[in-house]
């Protein structure tokens, strides 16, 4: 499942990150690492995600790079 599949209020666990090395590093720096729990606040582009006690906005390219397991 991908981040783009989530609706507002849905949760997931980060399974992995694809894409370029630069995108992977940026997402990891923001806390998107395997095992991290996320909650979709507002879908769209940019979407708003809660991760690690803070909210992060992500564009469509970064959203496509994140793979999730459903909670």
N, C-alpha and C. Protein backbone atom coordinates (compact mmCIF):
# COMPACT_ATOMS: atom_id res chain seq x y z
N UNK A 1 0.86 -1.17 0.00
CA UNK A 1 0.00 0.00 0.00
C UNK A 1 0.91 1.23 0.00
N UNK A 2 0.43 2.28 -0.62
CA UNK A 2 1.20 3.51 -0.67
C UNK A 2 0.53 4.64 0.09
N UNK A 3 1.26 5.67 0.31
CA UNK A 3 0.75 6.83 1.02
C UNK A 3 -0.44 7.45 0.30
N UNK A 4 -0.44 7.38 -1.04
CA UNK A 4 -1.53 7.95 -1.84
C UNK A 4 -2.85 7.22 -1.62
N UNK A 5 -2.81 6.01 -1.04
CA UNK A 5 -4.02 5.23 -0.79
C UNK A 5 -4.75 5.65 0.48
N UNK A 6 -4.11 6.45 1.33
CA UNK A 6 -4.71 6.81 2.61
C UNK A 6 -5.71 7.96 2.48
N UNK A 7 -6.76 7.89 3.28
CA UNK A 7 -7.74 8.97 3.40
C UNK A 7 -7.49 9.67 4.74
N UNK A 8 -8.13 10.81 4.94
CA UNK A 8 -7.98 11.55 6.19
C UNK A 8 -8.32 10.65 7.37
N UNK A 9 -7.45 10.62 8.37
CA UNK A 9 -7.65 9.83 9.58
C UNK A 9 -7.07 8.43 9.51
N UNK A 10 -6.70 7.94 8.31
CA UNK A 10 -6.11 6.61 8.17
C UNK A 10 -4.68 6.61 8.71
N UNK A 11 -4.27 5.46 9.23
CA UNK A 11 -2.93 5.29 9.77
C UNK A 11 -2.19 4.19 9.02
N UNK A 12 -0.88 4.23 9.10
CA UNK A 12 -0.05 3.20 8.50
C UNK A 12 1.31 3.16 9.15
N UNK A 13 2.05 2.09 8.86
CA UNK A 13 3.41 1.92 9.35
C UNK A 13 4.33 1.96 8.12
N UNK A 14 5.36 2.78 8.16
CA UNK A 14 6.29 2.86 7.03
C UNK A 14 6.99 1.53 6.88
N UNK A 15 6.89 0.97 5.67
CA UNK A 15 7.54 -0.31 5.34
C UNK A 15 8.87 -0.06 4.63
N UNK A 16 8.89 0.95 3.79
CA UNK A 16 10.10 1.26 3.05
C UNK A 16 9.93 2.54 2.25
N UNK A 17 11.05 2.98 1.65
CA UNK A 17 11.06 4.19 0.85
C UNK A 17 11.77 3.87 -0.45
N UNK A 18 11.15 4.26 -1.55
CA UNK A 18 11.76 4.09 -2.86
C UNK A 18 12.15 5.45 -3.41
N UNK A 19 12.57 5.47 -4.66
CA UNK A 19 12.90 6.73 -5.31
C UNK A 19 14.39 7.01 -5.28
N UNK A 20 14.72 8.23 -5.60
CA UNK A 20 16.13 8.63 -5.69
C UNK A 20 16.78 8.63 -4.31
N UNK A 21 18.09 8.58 -4.31
CA UNK A 21 18.84 8.61 -3.05
C UNK A 21 18.55 9.90 -2.29
N UNK A 22 18.45 11.01 -3.03
CA UNK A 22 18.17 12.31 -2.41
C UNK A 22 16.79 12.31 -1.75
N UNK A 23 15.78 11.75 -2.44
CA UNK A 23 14.43 11.69 -1.87
C UNK A 23 14.41 10.79 -0.63
N UNK A 24 15.09 9.66 -0.71
CA UNK A 24 15.14 8.73 0.44
C UNK A 24 15.77 9.41 1.65
N UNK A 25 16.87 10.15 1.43
CA UNK A 25 17.53 10.82 2.54
C UNK A 25 16.64 11.89 3.15
N UNK A 26 16.00 12.69 2.30
CA UNK A 26 15.11 13.75 2.81
C UNK A 26 13.99 13.15 3.64
N UNK A 27 13.35 12.10 3.13
CA UNK A 27 12.25 11.48 3.85
C UNK A 27 12.73 10.85 5.17
N UNK A 28 13.88 10.21 5.15
CA UNK A 28 14.43 9.63 6.38
C UNK A 28 14.73 10.73 7.40
N UNK A 29 15.25 11.86 6.93
CA UNK A 29 15.53 12.98 7.84
C UNK A 29 14.25 13.52 8.47
N UNK A 30 13.12 13.39 7.76
CA UNK A 30 11.83 13.84 8.29
C UNK A 30 11.17 12.80 9.20
N UNK A 31 11.80 11.61 9.33
CA UNK A 31 11.27 10.59 10.22
C UNK A 31 10.60 9.43 9.52
N UNK A 32 10.57 9.44 8.19
CA UNK A 32 9.95 8.35 7.44
C UNK A 32 10.95 7.22 7.31
N UNK A 33 11.03 6.42 8.36
CA UNK A 33 11.92 5.26 8.42
C UNK A 33 11.07 4.03 8.69
N UNK A 34 11.54 2.84 8.28
CA UNK A 34 10.75 1.64 8.53
C UNK A 34 10.35 1.52 10.01
N UNK A 35 9.07 1.24 10.21
CA UNK A 35 8.53 1.08 11.56
C UNK A 35 7.85 2.32 12.10
N UNK A 36 8.05 3.48 11.46
CA UNK A 36 7.43 4.72 11.94
C UNK A 36 5.93 4.71 11.63
N UNK A 37 5.13 5.13 12.60
CA UNK A 37 3.69 5.20 12.41
C UNK A 37 3.31 6.59 11.92
N UNK A 38 2.44 6.61 10.89
CA UNK A 38 1.99 7.88 10.33
C UNK A 38 0.47 7.94 10.34
N UNK A 39 -0.06 9.15 10.36
CA UNK A 39 -1.50 9.39 10.26
C UNK A 39 -1.72 10.45 9.18
N UNK A 40 -2.61 10.16 8.25
CA UNK A 40 -2.95 11.12 7.20
C UNK A 40 -3.90 12.16 7.79
N UNK A 41 -3.50 13.40 7.78
CA UNK A 41 -4.33 14.50 8.27
C UNK A 41 -5.16 15.06 7.12
N UNK A 42 -4.48 15.38 6.00
CA UNK A 42 -5.18 15.91 4.83
C UNK A 42 -4.54 15.34 3.57
N UNK A 43 -5.30 14.50 2.82
CA UNK A 43 -4.76 14.00 1.56
C UNK A 43 -4.69 15.10 0.51
N UNK A 44 -3.98 14.86 -0.55
CA UNK A 44 -3.84 15.82 -1.64
C UNK A 44 -2.38 16.10 -1.90
N UNK A 45 -2.12 17.15 -2.65
CA UNK A 45 -0.75 17.51 -2.95
C UNK A 45 -0.59 19.02 -2.78
N UNK A 46 0.04 19.45 -1.72
CA UNK A 46 0.70 18.61 -0.73
C UNK A 46 -0.29 18.01 0.27
N UNK A 47 0.06 16.85 0.78
CA UNK A 47 -0.73 16.24 1.85
C UNK A 47 -0.11 16.66 3.18
N UNK A 48 -0.87 16.50 4.24
CA UNK A 48 -0.36 16.76 5.60
C UNK A 48 -0.39 15.44 6.35
N UNK A 49 0.76 15.05 6.90
CA UNK A 49 0.93 13.78 7.60
C UNK A 49 1.43 14.06 9.01
N UNK A 50 0.91 13.32 9.98
CA UNK A 50 1.47 13.39 11.34
C UNK A 50 2.43 12.21 11.49
N UNK A 51 3.65 12.53 11.88
CA UNK A 51 4.67 11.50 12.11
C UNK A 51 5.57 11.98 13.24
N UNK A 52 5.82 11.13 14.19
CA UNK A 52 6.72 11.47 15.29
C UNK A 52 6.29 12.69 16.08
N UNK A 53 5.00 12.93 16.23
CA UNK A 53 4.51 14.03 17.03
C UNK A 53 4.51 15.38 16.32
N UNK A 54 4.81 15.39 15.03
CA UNK A 54 4.77 16.65 14.28
C UNK A 54 4.06 16.43 12.96
N UNK A 55 3.67 17.52 12.31
CA UNK A 55 3.00 17.44 11.02
C UNK A 55 3.97 17.83 9.92
N UNK A 56 3.89 17.09 8.80
CA UNK A 56 4.79 17.29 7.67
C UNK A 56 3.95 17.37 6.41
N UNK A 57 4.29 18.28 5.53
CA UNK A 57 3.64 18.37 4.22
C UNK A 57 4.51 17.72 3.16
N UNK A 58 3.89 16.89 2.30
CA UNK A 58 4.63 16.21 1.24
C UNK A 58 3.94 16.38 -0.10
N UNK A 59 4.72 16.64 -1.14
CA UNK A 59 4.20 16.68 -2.50
C UNK A 59 4.01 15.28 -3.05
N UNK A 60 3.41 15.20 -4.23
CA UNK A 60 3.07 13.91 -4.83
C UNK A 60 4.29 13.02 -5.08
N UNK A 61 5.41 13.59 -5.49
CA UNK A 61 6.60 12.78 -5.77
C UNK A 61 7.07 12.04 -4.52
N UNK A 62 7.13 12.73 -3.40
CA UNK A 62 7.55 12.09 -2.15
C UNK A 62 6.48 11.12 -1.65
N UNK A 63 5.22 11.43 -1.87
CA UNK A 63 4.16 10.52 -1.45
C UNK A 63 4.28 9.17 -2.15
N UNK A 64 4.59 9.19 -3.45
CA UNK A 64 4.70 7.95 -4.22
C UNK A 64 5.88 7.09 -3.75
N UNK A 65 6.87 7.69 -3.12
CA UNK A 65 8.07 6.96 -2.70
C UNK A 65 7.87 6.18 -1.42
N UNK A 66 6.80 6.44 -0.67
CA UNK A 66 6.62 5.82 0.66
C UNK A 66 5.70 4.62 0.57
N UNK A 67 6.18 3.47 1.03
CA UNK A 67 5.38 2.24 1.08
C UNK A 67 4.96 1.98 2.51
N UNK A 68 3.71 1.56 2.70
CA UNK A 68 3.14 1.39 4.03
C UNK A 68 2.54 0.02 4.24
N UNK A 69 2.42 -0.36 5.50
CA UNK A 69 1.57 -1.46 5.95
C UNK A 69 0.40 -0.84 6.66
N UNK A 70 -0.79 -1.37 6.45
CA UNK A 70 -1.98 -0.83 7.13
C UNK A 70 -1.90 -1.13 8.62
N UNK A 71 -2.51 -0.26 9.41
CA UNK A 71 -2.57 -0.46 10.87
C UNK A 71 -3.92 -1.05 11.20
